[in-house]
Amino acid sequence: MDKPNILGETEDFAVVFKPAKMHTTAKNEEQRTEYKEKITLFEWMKSQTKSVFDIMHRLDYETNGLVLFAKNEKSYLFFKEAQEKGEFVKEYSAVTATSVVNAKNNENIEDGFPAPPVIDIHASSFVIESFFRPFGPGRKLVRPVIEDGKKHKETAKDRDGFYRTEVIKKNDNDFTLRIKRGFRHQIRCHLCWIGFPIVNDPLYSGCKIEESSERVMYLRSHTIFFPEPSSGKKLEYRIEALIT
């Protein structure tokens, strides 16, 4: 799939596929200017239906997959509460390379990464967790933080705890992952940290990819779970994962 499309829609919500190299939404006028003529997924959705209230979560520009829209204020508030309760779950699939730097178990301090966590990377499932802080020119990247945050004043925490990336299935360099409340670039940064940067990731794989490149980053939000606003019934929307 290389174009946005609506996979499911009710009077309360819509589940929409976002292709890679498309912004989910613009936060402010400065971002709208930065994006120039590029239409965002939110703008595309508004062109498809008049009843769009807000977007419930974002995907990175390079990431493709499923996004949930609230179509009215009531459903928006319902979904926000569900997110706070951890009832809104997203699953991702990723294809990775093995990092030469992190695979040597180096601390990689010069790039802002702390020592990688002690994890059995040969296990089929495990958890990666950390706080986060902005990093690099223009603060466009993030780095894990494993201390209490006093060292970095801008440390981001999830309810005063770690952001968790659950690896629920790993087969060599293929990952299936799950998050409930995520932070910007969370999965990309966490996988790079343990030595498995995502293939074609222009920010965390150590390779530079031109804007005109046809190569797409191998990260997809392929499944979302959330309660239905009118009934509370647990719903699941799924597309094909990048891996089987």
C-alpha atoms as a PDB file:
ATOM      1  CA  MET A   1       0.000   0.000   0.000  1.00  0.00           C
ATOM      2  CA  ASP A   2       1.471   3.331  -1.029  1.00  0.00           C
ATOM      3  CA  LYS A   3      -1.564   5.612  -0.677  1.00  0.00           C
ATOM      4  CA  PRO A   4      -3.739   6.515   2.325  1.00  0.00           C
ATOM      5  CA  ASN A   5      -7.033   4.683   2.611  1.00  0.00           C
ATOM      6  CA  ILE A   6      -9.810   4.166   5.152  1.00  0.00           C
ATOM      7  CA  LEU A   7      -9.947   0.607   6.484  1.00  0.00           C
ATOM      8  CA  GLY A   8     -12.902   1.027   8.805  1.00  0.00           C
ATOM      9  CA  GLU A   9     -15.282   3.832   9.729  1.00  0.00           C
ATOM     10  CA  THR A  10     -18.241   4.469  12.048  1.00  0.00           C
ATOM     11  CA  GLU A  11     -19.945   7.645  13.248  1.00  0.00           C
ATOM     12  CA  ASP A  12     -17.420   7.748  16.124  1.00  0.00           C
ATOM     13  CA  PHE A  13     -14.071   6.797  14.598  1.00  0.00           C
ATOM     14  CA  ALA A  14     -12.086   5.875  11.512  1.00  0.00           C
ATOM     15  CA  VAL A  15      -9.049   3.632  11.092  1.00  0.00           C
ATOM     16  CA  VAL A  16      -6.812   4.905   8.316  1.00  0.00           C
ATOM     17  CA  PHE A  17      -3.680   3.559   6.655  1.00  0.00           C
ATOM     18  CA  LYS A  18      -0.792   6.049   6.476  1.00  0.00           C
ATOM     19  CA  PRO A  19       1.850   5.339   3.824  1.00  0.00           C
ATOM     20  CA  ALA A  20       5.534   5.950   4.413  1.00  0.00           C
ATOM     21  CA  LYS A  21       6.911   9.436   3.692  1.00  0.00           C
ATOM     22  CA  MET A  22       3.701  11.169   4.707  1.00  0.00           C
ATOM     23  CA  HIS A  23       3.359  13.329   7.822  1.00  0.00           C
ATOM     24  CA  THR A  24       0.524  12.354  10.152  1.00  0.00           C
ATOM     25  CA  THR A  25      -0.331  15.934  11.067  1.00  0.00           C
ATOM     26  CA  ALA A  26       1.236  19.348  11.604  1.00  0.00           C
ATOM     27  CA  LYS A  27       1.400  20.550  15.213  1.00  0.00           C
ATOM     28  CA  ASN A  28       1.611  24.251  14.404  1.00  0.00           C
ATOM     29  CA  GLU A  29       2.045  26.839  11.655  1.00  0.00           C
ATOM     30  CA  GLU A  30       5.822  26.427  11.732  1.00  0.00           C
ATOM     31  CA  GLN A  31       5.500  22.756  10.868  1.00  0.00           C
ATOM     32  CA  ARG A  32       2.952  23.509   8.154  1.00  0.00           C
ATOM     33  CA  THR A  33       5.494  25.849   6.576  1.00  0.00           C
ATOM     34  CA  GLU A  34       8.225  23.237   6.963  1.00  0.00           C
ATOM     35  CA  TYR A  35       6.092  20.569   5.252  1.00  0.00           C
ATOM     36  CA  LYS A  36       5.376  23.010   2.391  1.00  0.00           C
ATOM     37  CA  GLU A  37       3.207  21.417  -0.265  1.00  0.00           C
ATOM     38  CA  LYS A  38       3.133  17.966   1.327  1.00  0.00           C
ATOM     39  CA  ILE A  39      -0.373  17.016   2.429  1.00  0.00           C
ATOM     40  CA  THR A  40      -0.660  15.410   5.861  1.00  0.00           C
ATOM     41  CA  LEU A  41      -2.779  12.377   6.690  1.00  0.00           C
ATOM     42  CA  PHE A  42      -5.055  14.588   8.791  1.00  0.00           C
ATOM     43  CA  GLU A  43      -5.618  16.958   5.848  1.00  0.00           C
ATOM     44  CA  TRP A  44      -6.243  14.006   3.546  1.00  0.00           C
ATOM     45  CA  MET A  45      -8.827  12.613   5.969  1.00  0.00           C
ATOM     46  CA  LYS A  46     -10.601  15.975   6.171  1.00  0.00           C
ATOM     47  CA  SER A  47     -10.901  15.902   2.390  1.00  0.00           C
ATOM     48  CA  GLN A  48     -12.621  12.510   2.623  1.00  0.00           C
ATOM     49  CA  THR A  49     -15.162  13.321   5.336  1.00  0.00           C
ATOM     50  CA  LYS A  50     -16.383  16.429   7.152  1.00  0.00           C
ATOM     51  CA  SER A  51     -16.764  14.723  10.525  1.00  0.00           C
ATOM     52  CA  VAL A  52     -13.159  14.561  11.756  1.00  0.00           C
ATOM     53  CA  PHE A  53     -12.482  15.827  15.278  1.00  0.00           C
ATOM     54  CA  ASP A  54      -8.882  14.841  16.004  1.00  0.00           C
ATOM     55  CA  ILE A  55      -6.186  12.230  15.567  1.00  0.00           C
ATOM     56  CA  MET A  56      -5.480   9.914  18.495  1.00  0.00           C
ATOM     57  CA  HIS A  57      -1.804   9.141  17.865  1.00  0.00           C
ATOM     58  CA  ARG A  58       0.953   9.836  15.358  1.00  0.00           C
ATOM     59  CA  LEU A  59       3.283   7.758  13.237  1.00  0.00           C
ATOM     60  CA  ASP A  60       6.699   9.021  12.180  1.00  0.00           C
ATOM     61  CA  TYR A  61       7.053  10.376   8.661  1.00  0.00           C
ATOM     62  CA  GLU A  62       8.997   7.269   7.579  1.00  0.00           C
ATOM     63  CA  THR A  63       6.679   4.764   9.315  1.00  0.00           C
ATOM     64  CA  ASN A  64       3.637   3.282   7.598  1.00  0.00           C
ATOM     65  CA  GLY A  65       0.599   1.708   9.184  1.00  0.00           C
ATOM     66  CA  LEU A  66      -2.684   2.214  11.019  1.00  0.00           C
ATOM     67  CA  VAL A  67      -3.834   5.460  12.643  1.00  0.00           C
ATOM     68  CA  LEU A  68      -7.002   6.021  14.688  1.00  0.00           C
ATOM     69  CA  PHE A  69      -9.160   9.135  14.166  1.00  0.00           C
ATOM     70  CA  ALA A  70     -11.860  10.342  16.551  1.00  0.00           C
ATOM     71  CA  LYS A  71     -14.804  11.801  14.627  1.00  0.00           C
ATOM     72  CA  ASN A  72     -16.409  13.736  17.474  1.00  0.00           C
ATOM     73  CA  GLU A  73     -15.468  15.173  20.867  1.00  0.00           C
ATOM     74  CA  LYS A  74     -17.237  12.448  22.832  1.00  0.00           C
ATOM     75  CA  SER A  75     -15.300   9.648  21.158  1.00  0.00           C
ATOM     76  CA  TYR A  76     -12.071  11.677  21.434  1.00  0.00           C
ATOM     77  CA  LEU A  77     -12.466  11.952  25.222  1.00  0.00           C
ATOM     78  CA  PHE A  78     -13.371   8.261  25.408  1.00  0.00           C
ATOM     79  CA  PHE A  79     -10.231   7.265  23.512  1.00  0.00           C
ATOM     80  CA  LYS A  80      -8.045   9.575  25.611  1.00  0.00           C
ATOM     81  CA  GLU A  81      -9.277   7.827  28.748  1.00  0.00           C
ATOM     82  CA  ALA A  82      -8.666   4.438  27.140  1.00  0.00           C
ATOM     83  CA  GLN A  83      -5.099   5.492  26.329  1.00  0.00           C
ATOM     84  CA  GLU A  84      -4.519   6.543  29.929  1.00  0.00           C
ATOM     85  CA  LYS A  85      -5.789   3.154  31.114  1.00  0.00           C
ATOM     86  CA  GLY A  86      -3.497   1.306  28.704  1.00  0.00           C
ATOM     87  CA  GLU A  87      -6.448  -0.044  26.718  1.00  0.00           C
ATOM     88  CA  PHE A  88      -5.192   1.319  23.385  1.00  0.00           C
ATOM     89  CA  VAL A  89      -2.489  -1.036  22.103  1.00  0.00           C
ATOM     90  CA  LYS A  90      -0.387  -0.881  18.941  1.00  0.00           C
ATOM     91  CA  GLU A  91       1.618  -3.686  17.373  1.00  0.00           C
ATOM     92  CA  TYR A  92       4.472  -3.093  14.947  1.00  0.00           C
ATOM     93  CA  SER A  93       6.568  -5.245  12.658  1.00  0.00           C
ATOM     94  CA  ALA A  94      10.168  -4.346  11.850  1.00  0.00           C
ATOM     95  CA  VAL A  95      12.986  -5.757   9.765  1.00  0.00           C
ATOM     96  CA  THR A  96      16.399  -4.874  11.164  1.00  0.00           C
ATOM     97  CA  ALA A  97      20.093  -5.043  10.445  1.00  0.00           C
ATOM     98  CA  THR A  98      22.744  -5.927  13.030  1.00  0.00           C
ATOM     99  CA  SER A  99      24.636  -2.855  14.166  1.00  0.00           C
ATOM    100  CA  VAL A 100      28.421  -3.127  14.040  1.00  0.00           C
ATOM    101  CA  VAL A 101      28.789  -0.602  16.874  1.00  0.00           C
ATOM    102  CA  ASN A 102      26.237  -1.851  19.361  1.00  0.00           C
ATOM    103  CA  ALA A 103      26.804  -5.503  18.568  1.00  0.00           C
ATOM    104  CA  LYS A 104      30.260  -5.110  20.135  1.00  0.00           C
ATOM    105  CA  ASN A 105      28.509  -4.205  23.394  1.00  0.00           C
ATOM    106  CA  ASN A 106      30.158  -0.768  23.401  1.00  0.00           C
ATOM    107  CA  GLU A 107      28.637   2.061  25.404  1.00  0.00           C
ATOM    108  CA  ASN A 108      28.584   4.212  22.264  1.00  0.00           C
ATOM    109  CA  ILE A 109      28.847   7.298  24.507  1.00  0.00           C
ATOM    110  CA  GLU A 110      29.927   9.570  21.671  1.00  0.00           C
ATOM    111  CA  ASP A 111      26.523   9.132  20.070  1.00  0.00           C
ATOM    112  CA  GLY A 112      24.612   9.808  23.257  1.00  0.00           C
ATOM    113  CA  PHE A 113      23.598   6.209  23.975  1.00  0.00           C
ATOM    114  CA  PRO A 114      24.107   4.762  27.457  1.00  0.00           C
ATOM    115  CA  ALA A 115      25.369   1.209  27.738  1.00  0.00           C
ATOM    116  CA  PRO A 116      22.798  -1.148  26.193  1.00  0.00           C
ATOM    117  CA  PRO A 117      20.584  -3.078  28.621  1.00  0.00           C
ATOM    118  CA  VAL A 118      21.449  -6.631  29.594  1.00  0.00           C
ATOM    119  CA  ILE A 119      19.038  -8.570  27.409  1.00  0.00           C
ATOM    120  CA  ASP A 120      19.122 -12.050  25.949  1.00  0.00           C
ATOM    121  CA  ILE A 121      18.754 -10.909  22.349  1.00  0.00           C
ATOM    122  CA  HIS A 122      18.435 -14.536  21.275  1.00  0.00           C
ATOM    123  CA  ALA A 123      15.217 -14.893  23.267  1.00  0.00           C
ATOM    124  CA  SER A 124      11.923 -14.838  21.361  1.00  0.00           C
ATOM    125  CA  SER A 125      10.441 -12.167  23.650  1.00  0.00           C
ATOM    126  CA  PHE A 126      11.736  -9.501  26.050  1.00  0.00           C
ATOM    127  CA  VAL A 127      11.206  -5.872  27.069  1.00  0.00           C
ATOM    128  CA  ILE A 128      13.266  -2.763  26.289  1.00  0.00           C
ATOM    129  CA  GLU A 129      12.581   0.216  28.549  1.00  0.00           C
ATOM    130  CA  SER A 130      13.967   3.683  29.266  1.00  0.00           C
ATOM    131  CA  PHE A 131      13.200   7.341  29.694  1.00  0.00           C
ATOM    132  CA  PHE A 132      13.982   9.574  26.689  1.00  0.00           C
ATOM    133  CA  ARG A 133      15.628  12.915  25.966  1.00  0.00           C
ATOM    134  CA  PRO A 134      15.958  15.021  22.801  1.00  0.00           C
ATOM    135  CA  PHE A 135      19.295  14.765  21.038  1.00  0.00           C
ATOM    136  CA  GLY A 136      21.268  16.105  18.084  1.00  0.00           C
ATOM    137  CA  PRO A 137      20.953  19.081  15.724  1.00  0.00           C
ATOM    138  CA  GLY A 138      17.525  20.620  15.969  1.00  0.00           C
ATOM    139  CA  ARG A 139      16.636  18.054  18.653  1.00  0.00           C
ATOM    140  CA  LYS A 140      15.316  15.844  15.877  1.00  0.00           C
ATOM    141  CA  LEU A 141      16.562  12.613  17.462  1.00  0.00           C
ATOM    142  CA  VAL A 142      16.022  11.007  20.852  1.00  0.00           C
ATOM    143  CA  ARG A 143      18.265   8.985  23.146  1.00  0.00           C
ATOM    144  CA  PRO A 144      17.443   6.561  25.961  1.00  0.00           C
ATOM    145  CA  VAL A 145      17.967   7.671  29.559  1.00  0.00           C
ATOM    146  CA  ILE A 146      18.200   5.040  32.281  1.00  0.00           C
ATOM    147  CA  GLU A 147      18.961   7.268  35.282  1.00  0.00           C
ATOM    148  CA  ASP A 148      16.415   9.150  37.389  1.00  0.00           C
ATOM    149  CA  GLY A 149      16.483  12.120  35.020  1.00  0.00           C
ATOM    150  CA  LYS A 150      18.428  14.583  37.174  1.00  0.00           C
ATOM    151  CA  LYS A 151      21.339  14.582  34.731  1.00  0.00           C
ATOM    152  CA  HIS A 152      19.126  15.608  31.806  1.00  0.00           C
ATOM    153  CA  LYS A 153      16.599  18.345  32.593  1.00  0.00           C
ATOM    154  CA  GLU A 154      14.411  17.485  29.590  1.00  0.00           C
ATOM    155  CA  THR A 155      14.019  13.811  30.384  1.00  0.00           C
ATOM    156  CA  ALA A 156      10.617  12.466  29.297  1.00  0.00           C
ATOM    157  CA  LYS A 157       8.941   9.835  31.456  1.00  0.00           C
ATOM    158  CA  ASP A 158       5.810   7.740  31.096  1.00  0.00           C
ATOM    159  CA  ARG A 159       3.799   8.369  34.273  1.00  0.00           C
ATOM    160  CA  ASP A 160       7.145   8.843  36.046  1.00  0.00           C
ATOM    161  CA  GLY A 161       8.255   5.440  34.792  1.00  0.00           C
ATOM    162  CA  PHE A 162      10.045   3.947  31.812  1.00  0.00           C
ATOM    163  CA  TYR A 163       8.595   3.835  28.320  1.00  0.00           C
ATOM    164  CA  ARG A 164       8.243   0.135  27.479  1.00  0.00           C
ATOM    165  CA  THR A 165       8.755  -1.554  24.139  1.00  0.00           C
ATOM    166  CA  GLU A 166       7.645  -5.177  24.325  1.00  0.00           C
ATOM    167  CA  VAL A 167       9.268  -7.535  21.853  1.00  0.00           C
ATOM    168  CA  ILE A 168       6.582 -10.198  21.599  1.00  0.00           C
ATOM    169  CA  LYS A 169       8.223 -12.173  18.799  1.00  0.00           C
ATOM    170  CA  LYS A 170      11.761 -12.194  17.441  1.00  0.00           C
ATOM    171  CA  ASN A 171      13.098 -14.364  14.657  1.00  0.00           C
ATOM    172  CA  ASP A 172      16.681 -13.445  13.771  1.00  0.00           C
ATOM    173  CA  ASN A 173      16.350  -9.847  12.531  1.00  0.00           C
ATOM    174  CA  ASP A 174      12.553  -9.805  12.273  1.00  0.00           C
ATOM    175  CA  PHE A 175      10.675  -8.241  15.190  1.00  0.00           C
ATOM    176  CA  THR A 176       7.044  -8.007  16.271  1.00  0.00           C
ATOM    177  CA  LEU A 177       6.650  -5.335  18.942  1.00  0.00           C
ATOM    178  CA  ARG A 178       3.914  -3.898  21.138  1.00  0.00           C
ATOM    179  CA  ILE A 179       3.540  -0.520  22.860  1.00  0.00           C
ATOM    180  CA  LYS A 180       0.707   1.136  24.783  1.00  0.00           C
ATOM    181  CA  ARG A 181       1.873   4.709  25.312  1.00  0.00           C
ATOM    182  CA  GLY A 182       4.771   5.605  23.093  1.00  0.00           C
ATOM    183  CA  PHE A 183       7.297   8.402  22.750  1.00  0.00           C
ATOM    184  CA  ARG A 184       8.665   9.928  19.548  1.00  0.00           C
ATOM    185  CA  HIS A 185      10.970   7.454  17.722  1.00  0.00           C
ATOM    186  CA  GLN A 186      10.600   5.021  20.639  1.00  0.00           C
ATOM    187  CA  ILE A 187      10.792   1.756  18.700  1.00  0.00           C
ATOM    188  CA  ARG A 188      13.433   3.045  16.287  1.00  0.00           C
ATOM    189  CA  CYS A 189      15.666   4.247  19.118  1.00  0.00           C
ATOM    190  CA  HIS A 190      15.131   1.205  21.349  1.00  0.00           C
ATOM    191  CA  LEU A 191      15.987  -1.267  18.582  1.00  0.00           C
ATOM    192  CA  CYS A 192      19.083   0.708  17.596  1.00  0.00           C
ATOM    193  CA  TRP A 193      20.130   0.809  21.260  1.00  0.00           C
ATOM    194  CA  ILE A 194      20.203  -2.994  21.555  1.00  0.00           C
ATOM    195  CA  GLY A 195      22.075  -3.373  18.274  1.00  0.00           C
ATOM    196  CA  PHE A 196      19.255  -3.897  15.746  1.00  0.00           C
ATOM    197  CA  PRO A 197      18.620  -0.670  13.776  1.00  0.00           C
ATOM    198  CA  ILE A 198      15.686  -0.805  11.386  1.00  0.00           C
ATOM    199  CA  VAL A 199      16.552  -1.298   7.726  1.00  0.00           C
ATOM    200  CA  ASN A 200      16.489   1.980   5.755  1.00  0.00           C
ATOM    201  CA  ASP A 201      15.997   4.117   8.869  1.00  0.00           C
ATOM    202  CA  PRO A 202      17.555   7.462   7.822  1.00  0.00           C
ATOM    203  CA  LEU A 203      18.026   8.603  11.446  1.00  0.00           C
ATOM    204  CA  TYR A 204      19.041   5.547  13.453  1.00  0.00           C
ATOM    205  CA  SER A 205      20.602   3.071  11.028  1.00  0.00           C
ATOM    206  CA  GLY A 206      23.785   5.047  10.416  1.00  0.00           C
ATOM    207  CA  CYS A 207      23.093   5.477   6.716  1.00  0.00           C
ATOM    208  CA  LYS A 208      21.990   8.607   4.903  1.00  0.00           C
ATOM    209  CA  ILE A 209      19.078   8.231   2.510  1.00  0.00           C
ATOM    210  CA  GLU A 210      18.174  10.925   0.010  1.00  0.00           C
ATOM    211  CA  GLU A 211      14.644  12.337   0.113  1.00  0.00           C
ATOM    212  CA  SER A 212      14.048  11.118  -3.436  1.00  0.00           C
ATOM    213  CA  SER A 213      15.027   7.550  -2.581  1.00  0.00           C
ATOM    214  CA  GLU A 214      12.445   4.858  -3.265  1.00  0.00           C
ATOM    215  CA  ARG A 215      13.651   2.841  -0.291  1.00  0.00           C
ATOM    216  CA  VAL A 216      11.147   2.682   2.543  1.00  0.00           C
ATOM    217  CA  MET A 217      11.933   2.156   6.210  1.00  0.00           C
ATOM    218  CA  TYR A 218      10.947  -1.337   7.335  1.00  0.00           C
ATOM    219  CA  LEU A 219       8.654  -0.392  10.216  1.00  0.00           C
ATOM    220  CA  ARG A 220       4.866  -0.802  10.135  1.00  0.00           C
ATOM    221  CA  SER A 221       2.091  -0.327  12.665  1.00  0.00           C
ATOM    222  CA  HIS A 222       0.135  -3.350  11.500  1.00  0.00           C
ATOM    223  CA  THR A 223      -2.418  -3.838  14.309  1.00  0.00           C
ATOM    224  CA  ILE A 224      -4.302  -1.607  16.738  1.00  0.00           C
ATOM    225  CA  PHE A 225      -6.585  -2.674  19.595  1.00  0.00           C
ATOM    226  CA  PHE A 226      -9.020  -0.278  21.271  1.00  0.00           C
ATOM    227  CA  PRO A 227     -12.479  -0.243  22.913  1.00  0.00           C
ATOM    228  CA  GLU A 228     -15.479   0.866  20.873  1.00  0.00           C
ATOM    229  CA  PRO A 229     -16.922   4.157  22.227  1.00  0.00           C
ATOM    230  CA  SER A 230     -20.620   3.258  22.198  1.00  0.00           C
ATOM    231  CA  SER A 231     -20.384  -0.310  23.536  1.00  0.00           C
ATOM    232  CA  GLY A 232     -16.944  -0.668  25.137  1.00  0.00           C
ATOM    233  CA  LYS A 233     -16.393  -3.788  23.031  1.00  0.00           C
ATOM    234  CA  LYS A 234     -12.737  -4.478  22.284  1.00  0.00           C
ATOM    235  CA  LEU A 235     -11.995  -3.962  18.605  1.00  0.00           C
ATOM    236  CA  GLU A 236      -9.036  -5.081  16.526  1.00  0.00           C
ATOM    237  CA  TYR A 237      -7.911  -3.740  13.159  1.00  0.00           C
ATOM    238  CA  ARG A 238      -5.111  -5.529  11.382  1.00  0.00           C
ATOM    239  CA  ILE A 239      -3.236  -5.327   8.094  1.00  0.00           C
ATOM    240  CA  GLU A 240      -0.470  -7.558   6.779  1.00  0.00           C
ATOM    241  CA  ALA A 241       2.706  -7.326   8.829  1.00  0.00           C
ATOM    242  CA  LEU A 242       6.068  -6.766   7.188  1.00  0.00           C
ATOM    243  CA  ILE A 243       7.064 -10.206   8.458  1.00  0.00           C
ATOM    244  CA  THR A 244       5.251 -13.535   8.862  1.00  0.00           C
END
